[in-house]
PDB file of N, CA and C in Angstrom:
ATOM      1  N   UNK A   1    -146.561  91.858 114.537  1.00  0.00           N
ATOM      2  CA  UNK A   1    -147.984  91.799 114.296  1.00  0.00           C
ATOM      3  C   UNK A   1    -148.475  90.405 114.691  1.00  0.00           C
ATOM      4  N   UNK A   2    -149.588  90.339 115.395  1.00  0.00           N
ATOM      5  CA  UNK A   2    -150.136  89.065 115.827  1.00  0.00           C
ATOM      6  C   UNK A   2    -150.579  88.246 114.623  1.00  0.00           C
ATOM      7  N   UNK A   3    -150.570  86.941 114.810  1.00  0.00           N
ATOM      8  CA  UNK A   3    -150.938  86.035 113.717  1.00  0.00           C
ATOM      9  C   UNK A   3    -152.368  86.303 113.260  1.00  0.00           C
ATOM     10  N   UNK A   4    -153.276  86.567 114.211  1.00  0.00           N
ATOM     11  CA  UNK A   4    -154.671  86.819 113.822  1.00  0.00           C
ATOM     12  C   UNK A   4    -154.784  88.072 112.948  1.00  0.00           C
ATOM     13  N   UNK A   5    -153.971  89.090 113.229  1.00  0.00           N
ATOM     14  CA  UNK A   5    -153.978  90.294 112.382  1.00  0.00           C
ATOM     15  C   UNK A   5    -153.462  89.969 110.985  1.00  0.00           C
ATOM     16  N   UNK A   6    -152.409  89.172 110.919  1.00  0.00           N
ATOM     17  CA  UNK A   6    -151.856  88.796 109.618  1.00  0.00           C
ATOM     18  C   UNK A   6    -152.888  88.028 108.801  1.00  0.00           C
ATOM     19  N   UNK A   7    -153.604  87.125 109.458  1.00  0.00           N
ATOM     20  CA  UNK A   7    -154.630  86.356 108.754  1.00  0.00           C
ATOM     21  C   UNK A   7    -155.765  87.259 108.282  1.00  0.00           C
ATOM     22  N   UNK A   8    -156.168  88.194 109.138  1.00  0.00           N
ATOM     23  CA  UNK A   8    -157.249  89.119 108.762  1.00  0.00           C
ATOM     24  C   UNK A   8    -156.815  89.978 107.580  1.00  0.00           C
ATOM     25  N   UNK A   9    -155.576  90.509 107.631  1.00  0.00           N
ATOM     26  CA  UNK A   9    -155.077  91.325 106.520  1.00  0.00           C
ATOM     27  C   UNK A   9    -154.989  90.499 105.242  1.00  0.00           C
ATOM     28  N   UNK A  10    -154.581  89.234 105.369  1.00  0.00           N
ATOM     29  CA  UNK A  10    -154.482  88.364 104.195  1.00  0.00           C
ATOM     30  C   UNK A  10    -155.866  88.146 103.575  1.00  0.00           C
ATOM     31  N   UNK A  11    -156.883  87.954 104.426  1.00  0.00           N
ATOM     32  CA  UNK A  11    -158.248  87.766 103.922  1.00  0.00           C
ATOM     33  C   UNK A  11    -158.735  89.028 103.206  1.00  0.00           C
ATOM     34  N   UNK A  12    -158.506  90.187 103.827  1.00  0.00           N
ATOM     35  CA  UNK A  12    -158.957  91.435 103.213  1.00  0.00           C
ATOM     36  C   UNK A  12    -158.170  91.738 101.949  1.00  0.00           C
ATOM     37  N   UNK A  13    -156.882  91.411 101.937  1.00  0.00           N
ATOM     38  CA  UNK A  13    -156.064  91.630 100.747  1.00  0.00           C
ATOM     39  C   UNK A  13    -156.630  90.817  99.581  1.00  0.00           C
ATOM     40  N   UNK A  14    -157.007  89.561  99.865  1.00  0.00           N
ATOM     41  CA  UNK A  14    -157.596  88.700  98.835  1.00  0.00           C
ATOM     42  C   UNK A  14    -158.920  89.285  98.348  1.00  0.00           C
ATOM     43  N   UNK A  15    -159.746  89.788  99.267  1.00  0.00           N
ATOM     44  CA  UNK A  15    -161.020  90.391  98.872  1.00  0.00           C
ATOM     45  C   UNK A  15    -160.804  91.626  97.997  1.00  0.00           C
ATOM     46  N   UNK A  16    -159.826  92.448  98.363  1.00  0.00           N
ATOM     47  CA  UNK A  16    -159.532  93.650  97.578  1.00  0.00           C
ATOM     48  C   UNK A  16    -159.071  93.256  96.178  1.00  0.00           C
ATOM     49  N   UNK A  17    -158.181  92.254  96.111  1.00  0.00           N
ATOM     50  CA  UNK A  17    -157.730  91.769  94.800  1.00  0.00           C
ATOM     51  C   UNK A  17    -158.901  91.247  93.970  1.00  0.00           C
ATOM     52  N   UNK A  18    -159.772  90.461  94.617  1.00  0.00           N
ATOM     53  CA  UNK A  18    -160.930  89.899  93.908  1.00  0.00           C
ATOM     54  C   UNK A  18    -161.827  91.004  93.369  1.00  0.00           C
ATOM     55  N   UNK A  19    -162.044  92.040  94.178  1.00  0.00           N
ATOM     56  CA  UNK A  19    -162.896  93.159  93.738  1.00  0.00           C
ATOM     57  C   UNK A  19    -162.278  93.856  92.538  1.00  0.00           C
ATOM     58  N   UNK A  20    -160.974  94.111  92.577  1.00  0.00           N
ATOM     59  CA  UNK A  20    -160.303  94.803  91.479  1.00  0.00           C
ATOM     60  C   UNK A  20    -160.361  93.972  90.190  1.00  0.00           C
ATOM     61  N   UNK A  21    -160.222  92.656  90.322  1.00  0.00           N
ATOM     62  CA  UNK A  21    -160.264  91.776  89.147  1.00  0.00           C
ATOM     63  C   UNK A  21    -161.679  91.607  88.601  1.00  0.00           C
ATOM     64  N   UNK A  22    -162.667  91.756  89.479  1.00  0.00           N
ATOM     65  CA  UNK A  22    -164.059  91.505  89.085  1.00  0.00           C
ATOM     66  C   UNK A  22    -164.619  92.551  88.124  1.00  0.00           C
ATOM     67  N   UNK A  23    -164.083  93.755  88.185  1.00  0.00           N
ATOM     68  CA  UNK A  23    -164.622  94.834  87.362  1.00  0.00           C
ATOM     69  C   UNK A  23    -165.868  95.464  87.969  1.00  0.00           C
ATOM     70  N   UNK A  24    -166.283  94.969  89.128  1.00  0.00           N
ATOM     71  CA  UNK A  24    -167.442  95.528  89.817  1.00  0.00           C
ATOM     72  C   UNK A  24    -167.027  96.730  90.647  1.00  0.00           C
ATOM     73  N   UNK A  25    -167.972  97.608  90.897  1.00  0.00           N
ATOM     74  CA  UNK A  25    -167.690  98.712  91.811  1.00  0.00           C
ATOM     75  C   UNK A  25    -167.532  98.122  93.213  1.00  0.00           C
ATOM     76  N   UNK A  26    -166.966  98.890  94.111  1.00  0.00           N
ATOM     77  CA  UNK A  26    -166.800  98.414  95.476  1.00  0.00           C
ATOM     78  C   UNK A  26    -168.156  98.087  96.103  1.00  0.00           C
ATOM     79  N   UNK A  27    -169.133  98.939  95.843  1.00  0.00           N
ATOM     80  CA  UNK A  27    -170.468  98.743  96.404  1.00  0.00           C
ATOM     81  C   UNK A  27    -171.101  97.453  95.872  1.00  0.00           C
ATOM     82  N   UNK A  28    -171.046  97.242  94.556  1.00  0.00           N
ATOM     83  CA  UNK A  28    -171.616  96.038  93.954  1.00  0.00           C
ATOM     84  C   UNK A  28    -170.923  94.775  94.489  1.00  0.00           C
ATOM     85  N   UNK A  29    -169.585  94.839  94.574  1.00  0.00           N
ATOM     86  CA  UNK A  29    -168.820  93.696  95.076  1.00  0.00           C
ATOM     87  C   UNK A  29    -169.225  93.375  96.511  1.00  0.00           C
ATOM     88  N   UNK A  30    -169.318  94.393  97.349  1.00  0.00           N
ATOM     89  CA  UNK A  30    -169.687  94.190  98.753  1.00  0.00           C
ATOM     90  C   UNK A  30    -171.092  93.602  98.865  1.00  0.00           C
ATOM     91  N   UNK A  31    -172.016  94.074  98.035  1.00  0.00           N
ATOM     92  CA  UNK A  31    -173.373  93.519  98.047  1.00  0.00           C
ATOM     93  C   UNK A  31    -173.356  92.030  97.695  1.00  0.00           C
ATOM     94  N   UNK A  32    -172.573  91.662  96.679  1.00  0.00           N
ATOM     95  CA  UNK A  32    -172.504  90.259  96.258  1.00  0.00           C
ATOM     96  C   UNK A  32    -171.851  89.369  97.309  1.00  0.00           C
ATOM     97  N   UNK A  33    -170.873  89.928  98.021  1.00  0.00           N
ATOM     98  CA  UNK A  33    -170.111  89.146  99.002  1.00  0.00           C
ATOM     99  C   UNK A  33    -170.657  89.279 100.427  1.00  0.00           C
ATOM    100  N   UNK A  34    -171.752  90.028 100.575  1.00  0.00           N
ATOM    101  CA  UNK A  34    -172.339  90.300 101.896  1.00  0.00           C
ATOM    102  C   UNK A  34    -171.319  90.942 102.844  1.00  0.00           C
ATOM    103  N   UNK A  35    -170.605  91.935 102.320  1.00  0.00           N
ATOM    104  CA  UNK A  35    -169.621  92.684 103.101  1.00  0.00           C
ATOM    105  C   UNK A  35    -170.173  94.068 103.407  1.00  0.00           C
ATOM    106  N   UNK A  36    -169.701  94.629 104.508  1.00  0.00           N
ATOM    107  CA  UNK A  36    -170.059  96.001 104.849  1.00  0.00           C
ATOM    108  C   UNK A  36    -169.144  96.918 104.055  1.00  0.00           C
ATOM    109  N   UNK A  37    -169.737  97.792 103.253  1.00  0.00           N
ATOM    110  CA  UNK A  37    -168.971  98.653 102.347  1.00  0.00           C
ATOM    111  C   UNK A  37    -167.939  99.491 103.100  1.00  0.00           C
ATOM    112  N   UNK A  38    -168.333 100.102 104.199  1.00  0.00           N
ATOM    113  CA  UNK A  38    -167.393 100.968 104.934  1.00  0.00           C
ATOM    114  C   UNK A  38    -166.195 100.181 105.453  1.00  0.00           C
ATOM    115  N   UNK A  39    -166.421  98.937 105.850  1.00  0.00           N
ATOM    116  CA  UNK A  39    -165.322  98.090 106.321  1.00  0.00           C
ATOM    117  C   UNK A  39    -164.384  97.740 105.164  1.00  0.00           C
ATOM    118  N   UNK A  40    -164.985  97.429 104.010  1.00  0.00           N
ATOM    119  CA  UNK A  40    -164.194  97.108 102.822  1.00  0.00           C
ATOM    120  C   UNK A  40    -163.316  98.300 102.433  1.00  0.00           C
ATOM    121  N   UNK A  41    -163.920  99.489 102.401  1.00  0.00           N
ATOM    122  CA  UNK A  41    -163.189 100.705 102.027  1.00  0.00           C
ATOM    123  C   UNK A  41    -162.060 100.962 103.022  1.00  0.00           C
ATOM    124  N   UNK A  42    -162.333 100.764 104.312  1.00  0.00           N
ATOM    125  CA  UNK A  42    -161.309 100.965 105.349  1.00  0.00           C
ATOM    126  C   UNK A  42    -160.106 100.053 105.104  1.00  0.00           C
ATOM    127  N   UNK A  43    -160.349  98.749 104.936  1.00  0.00           N
ATOM    128  CA  UNK A  43    -159.239  97.809 104.750  1.00  0.00           C
ATOM    129  C   UNK A  43    -158.536  98.018 103.411  1.00  0.00           C
ATOM    130  N   UNK A  44    -159.287  98.364 102.389  1.00  0.00           N
ATOM    131  CA  UNK A  44    -158.671  98.639 101.091  1.00  0.00           C
ATOM    132  C   UNK A  44    -157.685  99.796 101.204  1.00  0.00           C
ATOM    133  N   UNK A  45    -158.125 100.872 101.861  1.00  0.00           N
ATOM    134  CA  UNK A  45    -157.262 102.041 102.051  1.00  0.00           C
ATOM    135  C   UNK A  45    -156.043 101.678 102.893  1.00  0.00           C
ATOM    136  N   UNK A  46    -156.270 100.943 103.961  1.00  0.00           N
ATOM    137  CA  UNK A  46    -155.182 100.534 104.846  1.00  0.00           C
ATOM    138  C   UNK A  46    -154.145  99.704 104.097  1.00  0.00           C
ATOM    139  N   UNK A  47    -154.611  98.737 103.328  1.00  0.00           N
ATOM    140  CA  UNK A  47    -153.698  97.864 102.593  1.00  0.00           C
ATOM    141  C   UNK A  47    -152.978  98.606 101.469  1.00  0.00           C
ATOM    142  N   UNK A  48    -153.667  99.506 100.780  1.00  0.00           N
ATOM    143  CA  UNK A  48    -153.030 100.280  99.707  1.00  0.00           C
ATOM    144  C   UNK A  48    -151.938 101.180 100.282  1.00  0.00           C
ATOM    145  N   UNK A  49    -152.183 101.766 101.470  1.00  0.00           N
ATOM    146  CA  UNK A  49    -151.166 102.606 102.106  1.00  0.00           C
ATOM    147  C   UNK A  49    -149.963 101.775 102.521  1.00  0.00           C
ATOM    148  N   UNK A  50    -150.204 100.555 102.993  1.00  0.00           N
ATOM    149  CA  UNK A  50    -149.084  99.678 103.352  1.00  0.00           C
ATOM    150  C   UNK A  50    -148.252  99.333 102.117  1.00  0.00           C
ATOM    151  N   UNK A  51    -148.934  99.108 100.978  1.00  0.00           N
ATOM    152  CA  UNK A  51    -148.214  98.830  99.732  1.00  0.00           C
ATOM    153  C   UNK A  51    -147.361 100.019  99.332  1.00  0.00           C
ATOM    154  N   UNK A  52    -147.916 101.220  99.485  1.00  0.00           N
ATOM    155  CA  UNK A  52    -147.182 102.440  99.135  1.00  0.00           C
ATOM    156  C   UNK A  52    -145.929 102.578  99.988  1.00  0.00           C
ATOM    157  N   UNK A  53    -146.080 102.345 101.297  1.00  0.00           N
ATOM    158  CA  UNK A  53    -144.951 102.452 102.218  1.00  0.00           C
ATOM    159  C   UNK A  53    -143.893 101.409 101.873  1.00  0.00           C
ATOM    160  N   UNK A  54    -144.317 100.197 101.553  1.00  0.00           N
ATOM    161  CA  UNK A  54    -143.367  99.145 101.185  1.00  0.00           C
ATOM    162  C   UNK A  54    -142.601  99.527  99.921  1.00  0.00           C
ATOM    163  N   UNK A  55    -143.289 100.139  98.966  1.00  0.00           N
ATOM    164  CA  UNK A  55    -142.642 100.580  97.727  1.00  0.00           C
ATOM    165  C   UNK A  55    -141.614 101.661  98.027  1.00  0.00           C
ATOM    166  N   UNK A  56    -141.983 102.595  98.889  1.00  0.00           N
ATOM    167  CA  UNK A  56    -141.067 103.677  99.255  1.00  0.00           C
ATOM    168  C   UNK A  56    -139.846 103.115  99.968  1.00  0.00           C
ATOM    169  N   UNK A  57    -140.054 102.149 100.864  1.00  0.00           N
ATOM    170  CA  UNK A  57    -138.942 101.569 101.604  1.00  0.00           C
ATOM    171  C   UNK A  57    -137.993 100.792 100.705  1.00  0.00           C
ATOM    172  N   UNK A  58    -138.495 100.305  99.553  1.00  0.00           N
ATOM    173  CA  UNK A  58    -137.641  99.581  98.615  1.00  0.00           C
ATOM    174  C   UNK A  58    -136.814 100.533  97.748  1.00  0.00           C
ATOM    175  N   UNK A  59    -137.173 101.802  97.755  1.00  0.00           N
ATOM    176  CA  UNK A  59    -136.451 102.772  96.925  1.00  0.00           C
ATOM    177  C   UNK A  59    -134.995 102.815  97.372  1.00  0.00           C
ATOM    178  N   UNK A  60    -134.119 102.958  96.431  1.00  0.00           N
ATOM    179  CA  UNK A  60    -132.707 103.021  96.771  1.00  0.00           C
ATOM    180  C   UNK A  60    -132.118 104.318  96.234  1.00  0.00           C
ATOM    181  N   UNK A  61    -131.000 104.659  96.786  1.00  0.00           N
ATOM    182  CA  UNK A  61    -130.326 105.878  96.384  1.00  0.00           C
ATOM    183  C   UNK A  61    -129.121 105.531  95.524  1.00  0.00           C
ATOM    184  N   UNK A  62    -128.916 106.303  94.497  1.00  0.00           N
ATOM    185  CA  UNK A  62    -127.753 106.133  93.641  1.00  0.00           C
ATOM    186  C   UNK A  62    -126.724 107.187  94.037  1.00  0.00           C
ATOM    187  N   UNK A  63    -125.466 106.819  94.061  1.00  0.00           N
ATOM    188  CA  UNK A  63    -124.457 107.809  94.419  1.00  0.00           C
ATOM    189  C   UNK A  63    -124.389 108.933  93.377  1.00  0.00           C
ATOM    190  N   UNK A  64    -124.268 110.133  93.870  1.00  0.00           N
ATOM    191  CA  UNK A  64    -124.170 111.306  93.007  1.00  0.00           C
ATOM    192  C   UNK A  64    -122.953 112.093  93.453  1.00  0.00           C
ATOM    193  N   UNK A  65    -122.136 112.467  92.501  1.00  0.00           N
ATOM    194  CA  UNK A  65    -120.948 113.250  92.823  1.00  0.00           C
ATOM    195  C   UNK A  65    -121.197 114.682  92.352  1.00  0.00           C
ATOM    196  N   UNK A  66    -121.190 115.598  93.308  1.00  0.00           N
ATOM    197  CA  UNK A  66    -121.397 117.005  92.986  1.00  0.00           C
ATOM    198  C   UNK A  66    -120.033 117.681  93.045  1.00  0.00           C
ATOM    199  N   UNK A  67    -119.607 118.190  91.912  1.00  0.00           N
ATOM    200  CA  UNK A  67    -118.314 118.841  91.841  1.00  0.00           C
ATOM    201  C   UNK A  67    -118.460 120.319  92.192  1.00  0.00           C
ATOM    202  N   UNK A  68    -117.539 120.842  92.992  1.00  0.00           N
ATOM    203  CA  UNK A  68    -117.624 122.266  93.341  1.00  0.00           C
ATOM    204  C   UNK A  68    -117.320 123.132  92.117  1.00  0.00           C
ATOM    205  N   UNK A  69    -117.988 124.260  92.059  1.00  0.00           N
ATOM    206  CA  UNK A  69    -117.726 125.202  90.968  1.00  0.00           C
ATOM    207  C   UNK A  69    -116.456 125.980  91.286  1.00  0.00           C
ATOM    208  N   UNK A  70    -115.886 126.548  90.266  1.00  0.00           N
ATOM    209  CA  UNK A  70    -114.654 127.316  90.464  1.00  0.00           C
ATOM    210  C   UNK A  70    -114.898 128.538  91.332  1.00  0.00           C
ATOM    211  N   UNK A  71    -116.046 129.170  91.171  1.00  0.00           N
ATOM    212  CA  UNK A  71    -116.378 130.350  91.954  1.00  0.00           C
ATOM    213  C   UNK A  71    -117.295 129.930  93.100  1.00  0.00           C
ATOM    214  N   UNK A  72    -116.787 129.905  94.354  1.00  0.00           N
ATOM    215  CA  UNK A  72    -117.594 129.429  95.473  1.00  0.00           C
ATOM    216  C   UNK A  72    -118.783 130.334  95.815  1.00  0.00           C
ATOM    217  N   UNK A  73    -118.803 131.565  95.328  1.00  0.00           N
ATOM    218  CA  UNK A  73    -119.891 132.486  95.617  1.00  0.00           C
ATOM    219  C   UNK A  73    -121.153 132.058  94.861  1.00  0.00           C
ATOM    220  N   UNK A  74    -120.960 131.510  93.660  1.00  0.00           N
ATOM    221  CA  UNK A  74    -122.083 131.075  92.842  1.00  0.00           C
ATOM    222  C   UNK A  74    -122.496 129.682  93.322  1.00  0.00           C
ATOM    223  N   UNK A  75    -123.739 129.539  93.684  1.00  0.00           N
ATOM    224  CA  UNK A  75    -124.182 128.223  94.143  1.00  0.00           C
ATOM    225  C   UNK A  75    -125.181 127.644  93.150  1.00  0.00           C
ATOM    226  N   UNK A  76    -125.039 126.359  92.898  1.00  0.00           N
ATOM    227  CA  UNK A  76    -125.951 125.678  91.994  1.00  0.00           C
ATOM    228  C   UNK A  76    -127.177 125.175  92.732  1.00  0.00           C
ATOM    229  N   UNK A  77    -128.110 124.679  91.977  1.00  0.00           N
ATOM    230  CA  UNK A  77    -129.318 124.129  92.572  1.00  0.00           C
ATOM    231  C   UNK A  77    -129.531 122.734  92.016  1.00  0.00           C
ATOM    232  N   UNK A  78    -130.152 121.908  92.826  1.00  0.00           N
ATOM    233  CA  UNK A  78    -130.505 120.557  92.410  1.00  0.00           C
ATOM    234  C   UNK A  78    -132.019 120.503  92.307  1.00  0.00           C
ATOM    235  N   UNK A  79    -132.506 120.056  91.150  1.00  0.00           N
ATOM    236  CA  UNK A  79    -133.943 119.902  90.962  1.00  0.00           C
ATOM    237  C   UNK A  79    -134.263 118.421  91.072  1.00  0.00           C
ATOM    238  N   UNK A  80    -135.236 118.107  91.917  1.00  0.00           N
ATOM    239  CA  UNK A  80    -135.586 116.732  92.191  1.00  0.00           C
ATOM    240  C   UNK A  80    -137.033 116.484  91.787  1.00  0.00           C
ATOM    241  N   UNK A  81    -137.255 115.448  90.977  1.00  0.00           N
ATOM    242  CA  UNK A  81    -138.614 115.051  90.582  1.00  0.00           C
ATOM    243  C   UNK A  81    -138.855 113.651  91.131  1.00  0.00           C
ATOM    244  N   UNK A  82    -139.864 113.505  91.996  1.00  0.00           N
ATOM    245  CA  UNK A  82    -140.154 112.235  92.641  1.00  0.00           C
ATOM    246  C   UNK A  82    -141.221 111.464  91.875  1.00  0.00           C
ATOM    247  N   UNK A  83    -141.278 110.132  92.094  1.00  0.00           N
ATOM    248  CA  UNK A  83    -142.270 109.314  91.389  1.00  0.00           C
ATOM    249  C   UNK A  83    -143.723 109.742  91.659  1.00  0.00           C
ATOM    250  N   UNK A  84    -143.973 110.354  92.826  1.00  0.00           N
ATOM    251  CA  UNK A  84    -145.339 110.786  93.143  1.00  0.00           C
ATOM    252  C   UNK A  84    -145.689 112.118  92.478  1.00  0.00           C
ATOM    253  N   UNK A  85    -144.800 112.633  91.607  1.00  0.00           N
ATOM    254  CA  UNK A  85    -145.071 113.872  90.878  1.00  0.00           C
ATOM    255  C   UNK A  85    -144.579 115.121  91.570  1.00  0.00           C
ATOM    256  N   UNK A  86    -144.131 114.993  92.802  1.00  0.00           N
ATOM    257  CA  UNK A  86    -143.648 116.150  93.546  1.00  0.00           C
ATOM    258  C   UNK A  86    -142.293 116.581  93.006  1.00  0.00           C
ATOM    259  N   UNK A  87    -142.095 117.894  92.861  1.00  0.00           N
ATOM    260  CA  UNK A  87    -140.822 118.434  92.405  1.00  0.00           C
ATOM    261  C   UNK A  87    -140.356 119.487  93.399  1.00  0.00           C
ATOM    262  N   UNK A  88    -139.061 119.522  93.627  1.00  0.00           N
ATOM    263  CA  UNK A  88    -138.519 120.564  94.499  1.00  0.00           C
ATOM    264  C   UNK A  88    -137.100 120.904  94.048  1.00  0.00           C
ATOM    265  N   UNK A  89    -136.656 122.047  94.472  1.00  0.00           N
ATOM    266  CA  UNK A  89    -135.306 122.516  94.174  1.00  0.00           C
ATOM    267  C   UNK A  89    -134.644 122.902  95.486  1.00  0.00           C
ATOM    268  N   UNK A  90    -133.406 122.488  95.660  1.00  0.00           N
ATOM    269  CA  UNK A  90    -132.679 122.872  96.860  1.00  0.00           C
ATOM    270  C   UNK A  90    -131.218 123.132  96.498  1.00  0.00           C
ATOM    271  N   UNK A  91    -130.500 123.848  97.370  1.00  0.00           N
ATOM    272  CA  UNK A  91    -129.118 124.241  97.048  1.00  0.00           C
ATOM    273  C   UNK A  91    -128.188 123.035  96.939  1.00  0.00           C
ATOM    274  N   UNK A  92    -127.242 123.129  96.048  1.00  0.00           N
ATOM    275  CA  UNK A  92    -126.334 122.015  95.796  1.00  0.00           C
ATOM    276  C   UNK A  92    -125.265 121.859  96.884  1.00  0.00           C
ATOM    277  N   UNK A  93    -125.175 122.813  97.781  1.00  0.00           N
ATOM    278  CA  UNK A  93    -124.150 122.689  98.816  1.00  0.00           C
ATOM    279  C   UNK A  93    -124.567 121.754  99.952  1.00  0.00           C
ATOM    280  N   UNK A  94    -125.813 121.245  99.937  1.00  0.00           N
ATOM    281  CA  UNK A  94    -126.238 120.299 100.965  1.00  0.00           C
ATOM    282  C   UNK A  94    -125.439 119.015 100.826  1.00  0.00           C
ATOM    283  N   UNK A  95    -125.078 118.413 101.955  1.00  0.00           N
ATOM    284  CA  UNK A  95    -124.338 117.157 101.868  1.00  0.00           C
ATOM    285  C   UNK A  95    -125.303 115.989 101.641  1.00  0.00           C
ATOM    286  N   UNK A  96    -124.765 114.833 101.351  1.00  0.00           N
ATOM    287  CA  UNK A  96    -125.586 113.683 100.961  1.00  0.00           C
ATOM    288  C   UNK A  96    -126.551 113.243 102.062  1.00  0.00           C
ATOM    289  N   UNK A  97    -126.160 113.383 103.311  1.00  0.00           N
ATOM    290  CA  UNK A  97    -127.039 112.996 104.420  1.00  0.00           C
ATOM    291  C   UNK A  97    -128.258 113.913 104.467  1.00  0.00           C
ATOM    292  N   UNK A  98    -128.050 115.202 104.299  1.00  0.00           N
ATOM    293  CA  UNK A  98    -129.170 116.142 104.296  1.00  0.00           C
ATOM    294  C   UNK A  98    -130.103 115.867 103.118  1.00  0.00           C
ATOM    295  N   UNK A  99    -129.528 115.596 101.953  1.00  0.00           N
ATOM    296  CA  UNK A  99    -130.342 115.299 100.772  1.00  0.00           C
ATOM    297  C   UNK A  99    -131.145 114.025 100.995  1.00  0.00           C
ATOM    298  N   UNK A 100    -130.515 112.992 101.542  1.00  0.00           N
ATOM    299  CA  UNK A 100    -131.217 111.733 101.804  1.00  0.00           C
ATOM    300  C   UNK A 100    -132.380 111.960 102.756  1.00  0.00           C
ATOM    301  N   UNK A 101    -132.178 112.719 103.815  1.00  0.00           N
ATOM    302  CA  UNK A 101    -133.264 113.000 104.769  1.00  0.00           C
ATOM    303  C   UNK A 101    -134.404 113.745 104.095  1.00  0.00           C
ATOM    304  N   UNK A 102    -134.070 114.722 103.262  1.00  0.00           N
ATOM    305  CA  UNK A 102    -135.103 115.466 102.538  1.00  0.00           C
ATOM    306  C   UNK A 102    -135.925 114.548 101.639  1.00  0.00           C
ATOM    307  N   UNK A 103    -135.242 113.691 100.912  1.00  0.00           N
ATOM    308  CA  UNK A 103    -135.925 112.781  99.992  1.00  0.00           C
ATOM    309  C   UNK A 103    -136.812 111.802 100.757  1.00  0.00           C
ATOM    310  N   UNK A 104    -136.321 111.275 101.877  1.00  0.00           N
ATOM    311  CA  UNK A 104    -137.135 110.348 102.675  1.00  0.00           C
ATOM    312  C   UNK A 104    -138.405 111.015 103.158  1.00  0.00           C
ATOM    313  N   UNK A 105    -138.297 112.250 103.616  1.00  0.00           N
ATOM    314  CA  UNK A 105    -139.463 112.978 104.087  1.00  0.00           C
ATOM    315  C   UNK A 105    -140.426 113.237 102.927  1.00  0.00           C
ATOM    316  N   UNK A 106    -139.896 113.634 101.785  1.00  0.00           N
ATOM    317  CA  UNK A 106    -140.745 113.949 100.643  1.00  0.00           C
ATOM    318  C   UNK A 106    -141.428 112.700 100.097  1.00  0.00           C
ATOM    319  N   UNK A 107    -140.754 111.562 100.087  1.00  0.00           N
ATOM    320  CA  UNK A 107    -141.363 110.334  99.598  1.00  0.00           C
ATOM    321  C   UNK A 107    -142.464 109.837 100.516  1.00  0.00           C
ATOM    322  N   UNK A 108    -142.410 110.219 101.773  1.00  0.00           N
ATOM    323  CA  UNK A 108    -143.427 109.792 102.727  1.00  0.00           C
ATOM    324  C   UNK A 108    -144.738 110.556 102.551  1.00  0.00           C
ATOM    325  N   UNK A 109    -144.721 111.623 101.760  1.00  0.00           N
ATOM    326  CA  UNK A 109    -145.943 112.435 101.564  1.00  0.00           C
ATOM    327  C   UNK A 109    -146.896 111.762 100.614  1.00  0.00           C
TER     328      UNK A 109
END
């Protein structure tokens, strides 16, 4: 990312923080700061999405050992609840790489 973009994002990040701390609505804050509301909303959304992606990228996986059942015909299920509230169930016979790929895709939603 170019230095000018980093500086612009840093300025908008500070403005977004100031607005959140001020207790003012976005519109009121923009009026006081002589900012264009649509521009403020655009950068706020952009920066919040970047924060979300950074949080997702920091997520780590814990090793899980799935023991096979005595009867191979009966298959278990794994129920997964993600921090974003999404829940899914998938067969326990999936290997760890497949599970990791599924989780990465689901966390990106």
